[in-house]
C-alpha atoms as a PDB file:
ATOM      1  CA  MET A   1      -8.818  49.547  96.267  1.00  0.00           C
ATOM      2  CA  SER A   2      -6.591  47.555  93.951  1.00  0.00           C
ATOM      3  CA  THR A   3      -5.178  44.325  95.324  1.00  0.00           C
ATOM      4  CA  PRO A   4      -3.436  41.322  93.792  1.00  0.00           C
ATOM      5  CA  ALA A   5      -5.829  38.642  92.523  1.00  0.00           C
ATOM      6  CA  GLU A   6      -5.012  36.291  95.417  1.00  0.00           C
ATOM      7  CA  HIS A   7      -5.968  38.999  97.955  1.00  0.00           C
ATOM      8  CA  ARG A   8      -9.125  40.292  96.286  1.00  0.00           C
ATOM      9  CA  VAL A   9     -12.144  40.883  98.497  1.00  0.00           C
ATOM     10  CA  MET A  10     -14.885  38.423  97.525  1.00  0.00           C
ATOM     11  CA  VAL A  11     -18.375  38.143  99.035  1.00  0.00           C
ATOM     12  CA  ASP A  12     -20.492  35.216  97.844  1.00  0.00           C
ATOM     13  CA  GLY A  13     -18.695  35.214  94.495  1.00  0.00           C
ATOM     14  CA  VAL A  14     -18.886  39.000  94.013  1.00  0.00           C
ATOM     15  CA  ASP A  15     -15.491  40.629  93.516  1.00  0.00           C
ATOM     16  CA  LEU A  16     -15.742  43.871  95.481  1.00  0.00           C
ATOM     17  CA  ASP A  17     -12.552  45.231  93.927  1.00  0.00           C
ATOM     18  CA  ALA A  18     -14.149  44.886  90.486  1.00  0.00           C
ATOM     19  CA  VAL A  19     -17.416  46.439  91.723  1.00  0.00           C
ATOM     20  CA  THR A  20     -15.677  49.471  93.267  1.00  0.00           C
ATOM     21  CA  ALA A  21     -13.543  50.003  90.159  1.00  0.00           C
ATOM     22  CA  ALA A  22     -16.648  49.772  87.941  1.00  0.00           C
ATOM     23  CA  VAL A  23     -18.563  52.296  90.063  1.00  0.00           C
ATOM     24  CA  ARG A  24     -15.649  54.729  90.216  1.00  0.00           C
ATOM     25  CA  SER A  25     -15.342  54.603  86.417  1.00  0.00           C
ATOM     26  CA  CYS A  26     -18.827  56.123  86.041  1.00  0.00           C
ATOM     27  CA  ALA A  27     -18.819  59.776  84.992  1.00  0.00           C
ATOM     28  CA  ALA A  28     -21.830  60.604  87.204  1.00  0.00           C
ATOM     29  CA  VAL A  29     -20.151  59.258  90.365  1.00  0.00           C
ATOM     30  CA  GLU A  30     -17.708  61.260  92.454  1.00  0.00           C
ATOM     31  CA  ASP A  31     -17.025  58.318  94.771  1.00  0.00           C
ATOM     32  CA  LEU A  32     -18.564  55.545  96.824  1.00  0.00           C
ATOM     33  CA  ASP A  33     -20.096  56.629 100.139  1.00  0.00           C
ATOM     34  CA  ALA A  34     -20.814  54.466 103.177  1.00  0.00           C
ATOM     35  CA  GLY A  35     -23.509  56.874 104.358  1.00  0.00           C
ATOM     36  CA  PRO A  36     -24.459  57.488 107.961  1.00  0.00           C
ATOM     37  CA  ALA A  37     -22.685  55.158 110.362  1.00  0.00           C
ATOM     38  CA  GLY A  38     -21.473  52.934 107.528  1.00  0.00           C
ATOM     39  CA  SER A  39     -24.974  51.845 106.525  1.00  0.00           C
ATOM     40  CA  ALA A  40     -23.703  50.670 103.129  1.00  0.00           C
ATOM     41  CA  ALA A  41     -20.408  48.923 103.660  1.00  0.00           C
ATOM     42  CA  THR A  42     -18.837  45.497 103.613  1.00  0.00           C
ATOM     43  CA  TYR A  43     -16.603  44.624 106.541  1.00  0.00           C
ATOM     44  CA  PHE A  44     -13.959  41.936 106.275  1.00  0.00           C
ATOM     45  CA  PRO A  45     -10.894  40.916 108.308  1.00  0.00           C
ATOM     46  CA  GLY A  46      -8.450  43.768 107.921  1.00  0.00           C
ATOM     47  CA  GLY A  47     -10.668  46.324 106.248  1.00  0.00           C
ATOM     48  CA  VAL A  48     -13.912  47.734 104.943  1.00  0.00           C
ATOM     49  CA  VAL A  49     -15.307  48.494 101.499  1.00  0.00           C
ATOM     50  CA  ALA A  50     -17.363  51.668 101.905  1.00  0.00           C
ATOM     51  CA  GLY A  51     -20.429  52.128  99.730  1.00  0.00           C
ATOM     52  CA  VAL A  52     -20.967  48.495  98.679  1.00  0.00           C
ATOM     53  CA  SER A  53     -22.893  45.746 100.389  1.00  0.00           C
ATOM     54  CA  VAL A  54     -23.821  42.323  99.064  1.00  0.00           C
ATOM     55  CA  ASP A  55     -26.524  39.903 100.115  1.00  0.00           C
ATOM     56  CA  ASP A  56     -27.979  36.816  98.455  1.00  0.00           C
ATOM     57  CA  ARG A  57     -30.362  38.848  96.236  1.00  0.00           C
ATOM     58  CA  ARG A  58     -28.666  42.159  95.534  1.00  0.00           C
ATOM     59  CA  VAL A  59     -25.582  44.327  95.374  1.00  0.00           C
ATOM     60  CA  LEU A  60     -26.246  47.693  97.001  1.00  0.00           C
ATOM     61  CA  VAL A  61     -24.084  50.548  95.760  1.00  0.00           C
ATOM     62  CA  GLN A  62     -24.229  53.878  97.573  1.00  0.00           C
ATOM     63  CA  VAL A  63     -22.576  56.872  95.948  1.00  0.00           C
ATOM     64  CA  ARG A  64     -21.891  60.591  96.096  1.00  0.00           C
ATOM     65  CA  ALA A  65     -23.080  61.954  92.754  1.00  0.00           C
ATOM     66  CA  VAL A  66     -21.428  64.532  90.543  1.00  0.00           C
ATOM     67  CA  TRP A  67     -23.475  67.736  90.286  1.00  0.00           C
ATOM     68  CA  GLY A  68     -25.442  68.081  87.062  1.00  0.00           C
ATOM     69  CA  PHE A  69     -26.315  64.447  86.316  1.00  0.00           C
ATOM     70  CA  ALA A  70     -29.894  63.183  86.503  1.00  0.00           C
ATOM     71  CA  ALA A  71     -30.454  60.494  89.128  1.00  0.00           C
ATOM     72  CA  THR A  72     -31.908  58.139  86.523  1.00  0.00           C
ATOM     73  CA  GLU A  73     -28.845  58.610  84.316  1.00  0.00           C
ATOM     74  CA  LEU A  74     -26.513  57.900  87.246  1.00  0.00           C
ATOM     75  CA  ALA A  75     -28.449  54.774  88.254  1.00  0.00           C
ATOM     76  CA  ARG A  76     -28.482  53.455  84.685  1.00  0.00           C
ATOM     77  CA  GLU A  77     -24.735  54.055  84.318  1.00  0.00           C
ATOM     78  CA  VAL A  78     -23.873  52.398  87.659  1.00  0.00           C
ATOM     79  CA  ARG A  79     -26.144  49.385  87.045  1.00  0.00           C
ATOM     80  CA  ALA A  80     -24.607  48.809  83.618  1.00  0.00           C
ATOM     81  CA  ALA A  81     -21.086  49.025  85.056  1.00  0.00           C
ATOM     82  CA  VAL A  82     -21.747  46.757  88.071  1.00  0.00           C
ATOM     83  CA  ALA A  83     -24.045  44.125  86.502  1.00  0.00           C
ATOM     84  CA  PRO A  84     -21.207  42.045  84.965  1.00  0.00           C
ATOM     85  CA  HIS A  85     -19.701  41.681  88.469  1.00  0.00           C
ATOM     86  CA  ALA A  86     -22.949  41.085  90.421  1.00  0.00           C
ATOM     87  CA  GLU A  87     -23.183  37.321  89.800  1.00  0.00           C
ATOM     88  CA  GLY A  88     -26.813  37.589  88.655  1.00  0.00           C
ATOM     89  CA  ARG A  89     -27.934  39.726  91.588  1.00  0.00           C
ATOM     90  CA  ARG A  90     -30.055  42.860  91.266  1.00  0.00           C
ATOM     91  CA  VAL A  91     -28.017  46.091  91.483  1.00  0.00           C
ATOM     92  CA  ASP A  92     -29.599  48.763  93.688  1.00  0.00           C
ATOM     93  CA  VAL A  93     -28.193  52.286  93.619  1.00  0.00           C
ATOM     94  CA  THR A  94     -28.564  54.850  96.395  1.00  0.00           C
ATOM     95  CA  ILE A  95     -27.431  58.446  96.026  1.00  0.00           C
ATOM     96  CA  SER A  96     -26.438  59.528  99.523  1.00  0.00           C
ATOM     97  CA  ASP A  97     -24.959  62.898  98.640  1.00  0.00           C
ATOM     98  CA  VAL A  98     -24.256  65.250  95.754  1.00  0.00           C
ATOM     99  CA  ALA A  99     -20.858  66.887  95.340  1.00  0.00           C
ATOM    100  CA  VAL A 100     -21.645  70.541  94.731  1.00  0.00           C
ATOM    101  CA  PRO A 101     -19.014  72.389  92.718  1.00  0.00           C
ATOM    102  CA  ASP A 102     -17.098  75.219  94.327  1.00  0.00           C
ATOM    103  CA  PRO A 103     -18.734  78.536  93.550  1.00  0.00           C
ATOM    104  CA  VAL A 104     -16.973  80.465  90.841  1.00  0.00           C
ATOM    105  CA  ALA A 105     -15.628  83.767  92.091  1.00  0.00           C
ATOM    106  CA  GLY A 106     -17.908  86.622  91.129  1.00  0.00           C
ATOM    107  CA  PRO A 107     -16.972  89.939  89.706  1.00  0.00           C
ATOM    108  CA  GLU A 108     -15.252  92.474  91.914  1.00  0.00           C
ATOM    109  CA  ASP A 109     -18.624  94.103  92.631  1.00  0.00           C
ATOM    110  CA  GLY A 110     -19.315  91.313  95.140  1.00  0.00           C
ATOM    111  CA  THR A 111     -22.110  89.569  93.225  1.00  0.00           C
ATOM    112  CA  SER A 112     -22.350  85.803  93.236  1.00  0.00           C
ATOM    113  CA  GLY A 113     -20.858  85.204  89.798  1.00  0.00           C
ATOM    114  CA  ASN A 114     -21.940  81.799  88.495  1.00  0.00           C
ATOM    115  CA  LEU A 115     -23.501  80.746  91.801  1.00  0.00           C
ATOM    116  CA  ASP A 116     -26.917  81.742  90.417  1.00  0.00           C
ATOM    117  CA  ARG A 117     -27.090  78.683  88.223  1.00  0.00           C
ATOM    118  CA  TRP A 118     -26.368  76.340  91.150  1.00  0.00           C
ATOM    119  CA  THR A 119     -28.936  77.527  93.624  1.00  0.00           C
ATOM    120  CA  SER A 120     -32.619  78.109  93.742  1.00  0.00           C
ATOM    121  CA  SER A 121     -34.590  79.795  96.425  1.00  0.00           C
ATOM    122  CA  ALA A 122     -38.152  80.074  97.544  1.00  0.00           C
ATOM    123  CA  GLY A 123     -37.159  83.462  98.976  1.00  0.00           C
ATOM    124  CA  GLY A 124     -36.334  84.941  95.586  1.00  0.00           C
ATOM    125  CA  SER A 125     -32.677  85.750  96.209  1.00  0.00           C
ATOM    126  CA  SER A 126     -30.562  83.635  93.894  1.00  0.00           C
ATOM    127  CA  ALA A 127     -27.872  83.088  96.528  1.00  0.00           C
ATOM    128  CA  ALA A 128     -30.281  82.262  99.360  1.00  0.00           C
ATOM    129  CA  SER A 129     -30.522  78.779 100.765  1.00  0.00           C
ATOM    130  CA  SER A 130     -32.465  76.249  98.713  1.00  0.00           C
ATOM    131  CA  PHE A 131     -33.503  74.377 101.860  1.00  0.00           C
ATOM    132  CA  ALA A 132     -36.852  76.169 102.025  1.00  0.00           C
ATOM    133  CA  ARG A 133     -39.936  74.092 102.775  1.00  0.00           C
ATOM    134  CA  THR A 134     -41.456  72.639  99.623  1.00  0.00           C
ATOM    135  CA  ILE A 135     -45.216  72.470  99.275  1.00  0.00           C
ATOM    136  CA  PRO A 136     -46.484  70.165  96.502  1.00  0.00           C
ATOM    137  CA  THR A 137     -48.966  71.530  94.027  1.00  0.00           C
ATOM    138  CA  GLY A 138     -52.301  69.882  93.395  1.00  0.00           C
ATOM    139  CA  GLU A 139     -50.989  68.350  90.167  1.00  0.00           C
ATOM    140  CA  ALA A 140     -48.046  66.769  91.966  1.00  0.00           C
ATOM    141  CA  THR A 141     -50.107  65.426  94.863  1.00  0.00           C
ATOM    142  CA  PRO A 142     -51.456  61.910  94.160  1.00  0.00           C
ATOM    143  CA  PRO A 143     -55.217  61.433  94.577  1.00  0.00           C
ATOM    144  CA  HIS A 144     -56.378  59.642  97.729  1.00  0.00           C
ATOM    145  CA  SER A 145     -57.640  56.110  97.182  1.00  0.00           C
END
């Protein structure tokens, strides 16, 4: 969303054009994402900035991540890019989705090709859904207070 300086979208001193450009320049971000029903968006006369909302204490940035980046790495990158435009506010980052790469065509024998490295399965088949129920182990379960 690039607009002339006199038509830039400003919210409480935060230049949303600068924020969106900064976020989109991050290698770990595919794009901004408003999320369900526009939960992270700024509405203004004549438009909307999806994936960014500003209040008096924070700038919330909601993104669709690029596959293969750690969430902590993405958050660090986005915070560093947005902080100069946040007017002293905290920068919160929400990952609402992950852009999964298109599967690479497998060999002519019908196997999954490179899909194996993109999926995991509780069922054992490398191409099965990874949406199986997850049960935490004792080590991962915090002790009760």
